[in-house]
C-alpha atoms as a PDB file:
ATOM      1  CA  MET A   1      -6.808 -11.138  -0.626  1.00  0.00           C
ATOM      2  CA  THR A   2      -6.442 -11.766   3.124  1.00  0.00           C
ATOM      3  CA  ASP A   3      -9.091 -14.974   3.760  1.00  0.00           C
ATOM      4  CA  THR A   4     -11.681 -12.230   5.678  1.00  0.00           C
ATOM      5  CA  SER A   5     -14.126 -12.229   2.953  1.00  0.00           C
ATOM      6  CA  THR A   6     -17.451 -13.291   5.221  1.00  0.00           C
ATOM      7  CA  ASP A   7     -15.679 -13.277   8.524  1.00  0.00           C
ATOM      8  CA  ARG A   8     -17.322 -10.065  10.090  1.00  0.00           C
ATOM      9  CA  GLU A   9     -15.185 -10.020  12.946  1.00  0.00           C
ATOM     10  CA  ALA A  10     -11.920 -10.086  10.900  1.00  0.00           C
ATOM     11  CA  TRP A  11     -13.364  -6.925   9.179  1.00  0.00           C
ATOM     12  CA  ALA A  12     -12.534  -4.191  11.720  1.00  0.00           C
ATOM     13  CA  GLU A  13      -8.840  -5.704  12.215  1.00  0.00           C
ATOM     14  CA  GLU A  14      -8.052  -6.142   8.270  1.00  0.00           C
ATOM     15  CA  LEU A  15      -9.305  -2.600   7.850  1.00  0.00           C
ATOM     16  CA  ASP A  16      -7.594  -1.284  10.666  1.00  0.00           C
ATOM     17  CA  ARG A  17      -4.400  -2.406   9.629  1.00  0.00           C
ATOM     18  CA  LEU A  18      -5.137  -0.919   6.431  1.00  0.00           C
ATOM     19  CA  THR A  19      -5.591   2.728   7.633  1.00  0.00           C
ATOM     20  CA  ASP A  20      -2.411   2.034   9.921  1.00  0.00           C
ATOM     21  CA  ASP A  21      -0.735   1.394   6.069  1.00  0.00           C
ATOM     22  CA  HIS A  22      -2.461   3.458   3.934  1.00  0.00           C
ATOM     23  CA  GLU A  23      -3.295   6.636   5.876  1.00  0.00           C
ATOM     24  CA  GLY A  24      -2.672   9.823   2.956  1.00  0.00           C
ATOM     25  CA  ASP A  25      -1.267   7.667   0.291  1.00  0.00           C
ATOM     26  CA  GLN A  26      -3.783   8.165  -2.821  1.00  0.00           C
ATOM     27  CA  VAL A  27      -6.805   5.966  -3.674  1.00  0.00           C
ATOM     28  CA  VAL A  28      -8.765   5.835  -6.600  1.00  0.00           C
ATOM     29  CA  ILE A  29     -12.733   3.880  -5.597  1.00  0.00           C
ATOM     30  CA  GLU A  30     -15.141   2.537  -8.219  1.00  0.00           C
ATOM     31  CA  ILE A  31     -18.507   1.312  -8.234  1.00  0.00           C
ATOM     32  CA  LEU A  32     -20.449  -1.705  -9.573  1.00  0.00           C
ATOM     33  CA  ASP A  33     -24.078  -1.596  -9.574  1.00  0.00           C
ATOM     34  CA  GLN A  34     -25.407  -3.724 -11.788  1.00  0.00           C
ATOM     35  CA  GLU A  35     -28.677  -1.114 -11.974  1.00  0.00           C
ATOM     36  CA  PHE A  36     -26.644   1.806 -12.489  1.00  0.00           C
ATOM     37  CA  GLY A  37     -23.221   0.281 -14.104  1.00  0.00           C
ATOM     38  CA  ASP A  38     -19.349   0.890 -13.731  1.00  0.00           C
ATOM     39  CA  ASN A  39     -18.873   4.222 -11.763  1.00  0.00           C
ATOM     40  CA  GLU A  40     -15.882   6.306 -10.347  1.00  0.00           C
ATOM     41  CA  GLU A  41     -16.603   7.611  -7.419  1.00  0.00           C
ATOM     42  CA  ALA A  42     -12.976   9.619  -5.955  1.00  0.00           C
ATOM     43  CA  GLU A  43      -9.603   9.127  -8.680  1.00  0.00           C
ATOM     44  CA  ARG A  44      -6.388  10.358  -6.652  1.00  0.00           C
ATOM     45  CA  VAL A  45      -7.805  11.249  -3.472  1.00  0.00           C
ATOM     46  CA  PRO A  46      -5.859  10.772  -0.401  1.00  0.00           C
ATOM     47  CA  PHE A  47      -6.952   7.536   2.063  1.00  0.00           C
ATOM     48  CA  ALA A  48      -8.268   8.370   5.570  1.00  0.00           C
ATOM     49  CA  TYR A  49      -9.323   5.667   7.167  1.00  0.00           C
ATOM     50  CA  ALA A  50     -11.637   2.817   5.797  1.00  0.00           C
ATOM     51  CA  ASN A  51     -13.570   1.060   9.137  1.00  0.00           C
ATOM     52  CA  TYR A  52     -16.251  -1.904  10.307  1.00  0.00           C
ATOM     53  CA  ASP A  53     -19.180  -0.530  12.713  1.00  0.00           C
ATOM     54  CA  ARG A  54     -20.555  -3.338  13.958  1.00  0.00           C
ATOM     55  CA  LYS A  55     -23.388  -1.671  15.671  1.00  0.00           C
ATOM     56  CA  ASP A  56     -24.634   0.015  12.022  1.00  0.00           C
ATOM     57  CA  ASP A  57     -23.140  -3.404  10.353  1.00  0.00           C
ATOM     58  CA  VAL A  58     -21.512  -0.502   7.185  1.00  0.00           C
ATOM     59  CA  VAL A  59     -18.280  -0.258   6.063  1.00  0.00           C
ATOM     60  CA  ILE A  60     -17.255   3.756   5.998  1.00  0.00           C
ATOM     61  CA  ILE A  61     -14.195   4.716   3.278  1.00  0.00           C
ATOM     62  CA  ALA A  62     -13.368   7.933   4.052  1.00  0.00           C
ATOM     63  CA  VAL A  63     -11.088   9.933   1.640  1.00  0.00           C
ATOM     64  CA  GLY A  64      -9.784  13.619   2.207  1.00  0.00           C
ATOM     65  CA  GLY A  65      -9.976  15.809   5.245  1.00  0.00           C
ATOM     66  CA  ARG A  66      -5.848  16.378   5.620  1.00  0.00           C
ATOM     67  CA  SER A  67      -4.874  19.287   3.685  1.00  0.00           C
ATOM     68  CA  GLY A  68      -5.811  22.596   1.900  1.00  0.00           C
ATOM     69  CA  ARG A  69      -6.356  20.669  -1.398  1.00  0.00           C
ATOM     70  CA  TYR A  70      -8.888  18.949   0.277  1.00  0.00           C
ATOM     71  CA  PRO A  71      -9.960  20.328   3.735  1.00  0.00           C
ATOM     72  CA  VAL A  72     -13.380  18.071   4.048  1.00  0.00           C
ATOM     73  CA  THR A  73     -13.518  14.221   4.393  1.00  0.00           C
ATOM     74  CA  LEU A  74     -15.764  12.385   2.015  1.00  0.00           C
ATOM     75  CA  ARG A  75     -17.164   9.402   3.017  1.00  0.00           C
ATOM     76  CA  HIS A  76     -18.411   6.534   1.296  1.00  0.00           C
ATOM     77  CA  ILE A  77     -20.957   3.808   3.473  1.00  0.00           C
ATOM     78  CA  ILE A  78     -21.561   0.712   2.029  1.00  0.00           C
ATOM     79  CA  ASP A  79     -24.950  -0.693   3.979  1.00  0.00           C
ATOM     80  CA  ASP A  80     -24.880  -4.027   4.374  1.00  0.00           C
ATOM     81  CA  PRO A  81     -21.759  -5.655   3.242  1.00  0.00           C
ATOM     82  CA  VAL A  82     -21.452  -9.852   2.914  1.00  0.00           C
ATOM     83  CA  GLU A  83     -18.309  -9.908   1.902  1.00  0.00           C
ATOM     84  CA  VAL A  84     -15.522  -7.618   2.497  1.00  0.00           C
ATOM     85  CA  ASP A  85     -11.854  -8.911   0.943  1.00  0.00           C
ATOM     86  CA  VAL A  86      -8.215  -6.237   1.775  1.00  0.00           C
ATOM     87  CA  THR A  87      -5.172  -6.823   0.297  1.00  0.00           C
ATOM     88  CA  ASP A  88      -1.562  -4.902   1.071  1.00  0.00           C
ATOM     89  CA  ASP A  89      -3.526  -2.538  -2.492  1.00  0.00           C
ATOM     90  CA  ALA A  90      -7.057  -2.315  -2.266  1.00  0.00           C
ATOM     91  CA  ILE A  91     -10.348  -3.076  -0.593  1.00  0.00           C
ATOM     92  CA  ARG A  92     -13.844  -5.387  -2.074  1.00  0.00           C
ATOM     93  CA  VAL A  93     -16.961  -4.655  -0.479  1.00  0.00           C
ATOM     94  CA  VAL A  94     -19.761  -6.638  -1.606  1.00  0.00           C
ATOM     95  CA  SER A  95     -23.414  -5.281  -0.433  1.00  0.00           C
ATOM     96  CA  GLU A  96     -26.248  -6.798   0.095  1.00  0.00           C
ATOM     97  CA  ASP A  97     -27.639  -5.810  -3.201  1.00  0.00           C
ATOM     98  CA  GLY A  98     -24.300  -7.258  -4.846  1.00  0.00           C
ATOM     99  CA  THR A  99     -23.219  -4.277  -5.656  1.00  0.00           C
ATOM    100  CA  THR A 100     -19.400  -4.334  -4.967  1.00  0.00           C
ATOM    101  CA  THR A 101     -17.000  -1.233  -4.040  1.00  0.00           C
ATOM    102  CA  ILE A 102     -12.864  -1.832  -4.634  1.00  0.00           C
ATOM    103  CA  VAL A 103     -10.927   0.538  -3.750  1.00  0.00           C
ATOM    104  CA  ALA A 104      -7.168   0.593  -4.831  1.00  0.00           C
ATOM    105  CA  PHE A 105      -4.067   2.131  -3.973  1.00  0.00           C
ATOM    106  CA  VAL A 106      -2.201   3.523  -6.454  1.00  0.00           C
ATOM    107  CA  SER A 107       1.209   4.353  -6.169  1.00  0.00           C
ATOM    108  CA  ASP A 108       2.962   7.989  -7.503  1.00  0.00           C
ATOM    109  CA  GLU A 109       3.964   6.330 -11.020  1.00  0.00           C
ATOM    110  CA  SER A 110       0.746   5.646 -12.080  1.00  0.00           C
END
């Protein structure tokens, strides 16, 4: 993982880099929540972008919106992030309440 977990300045740069590298690739989004349990929010949908909005203190993960099969862009918004870890094939975001969002890029062979 890139050592960006608590460096807010690096979050935007790393998420922009990941967007450039993976736009259109398939992703799975999982939510790990202490109160409601673990849930898969999206499975094998095209990745549109990820960014950190400093003003509103949110991480936005967007999927879809690129084709007739996925005509709408869906956004998963993570309020009050405290950690953001980025690898070449995944994003892990922990919010202030402890909820963890994992975005994993999947290959066509999977």
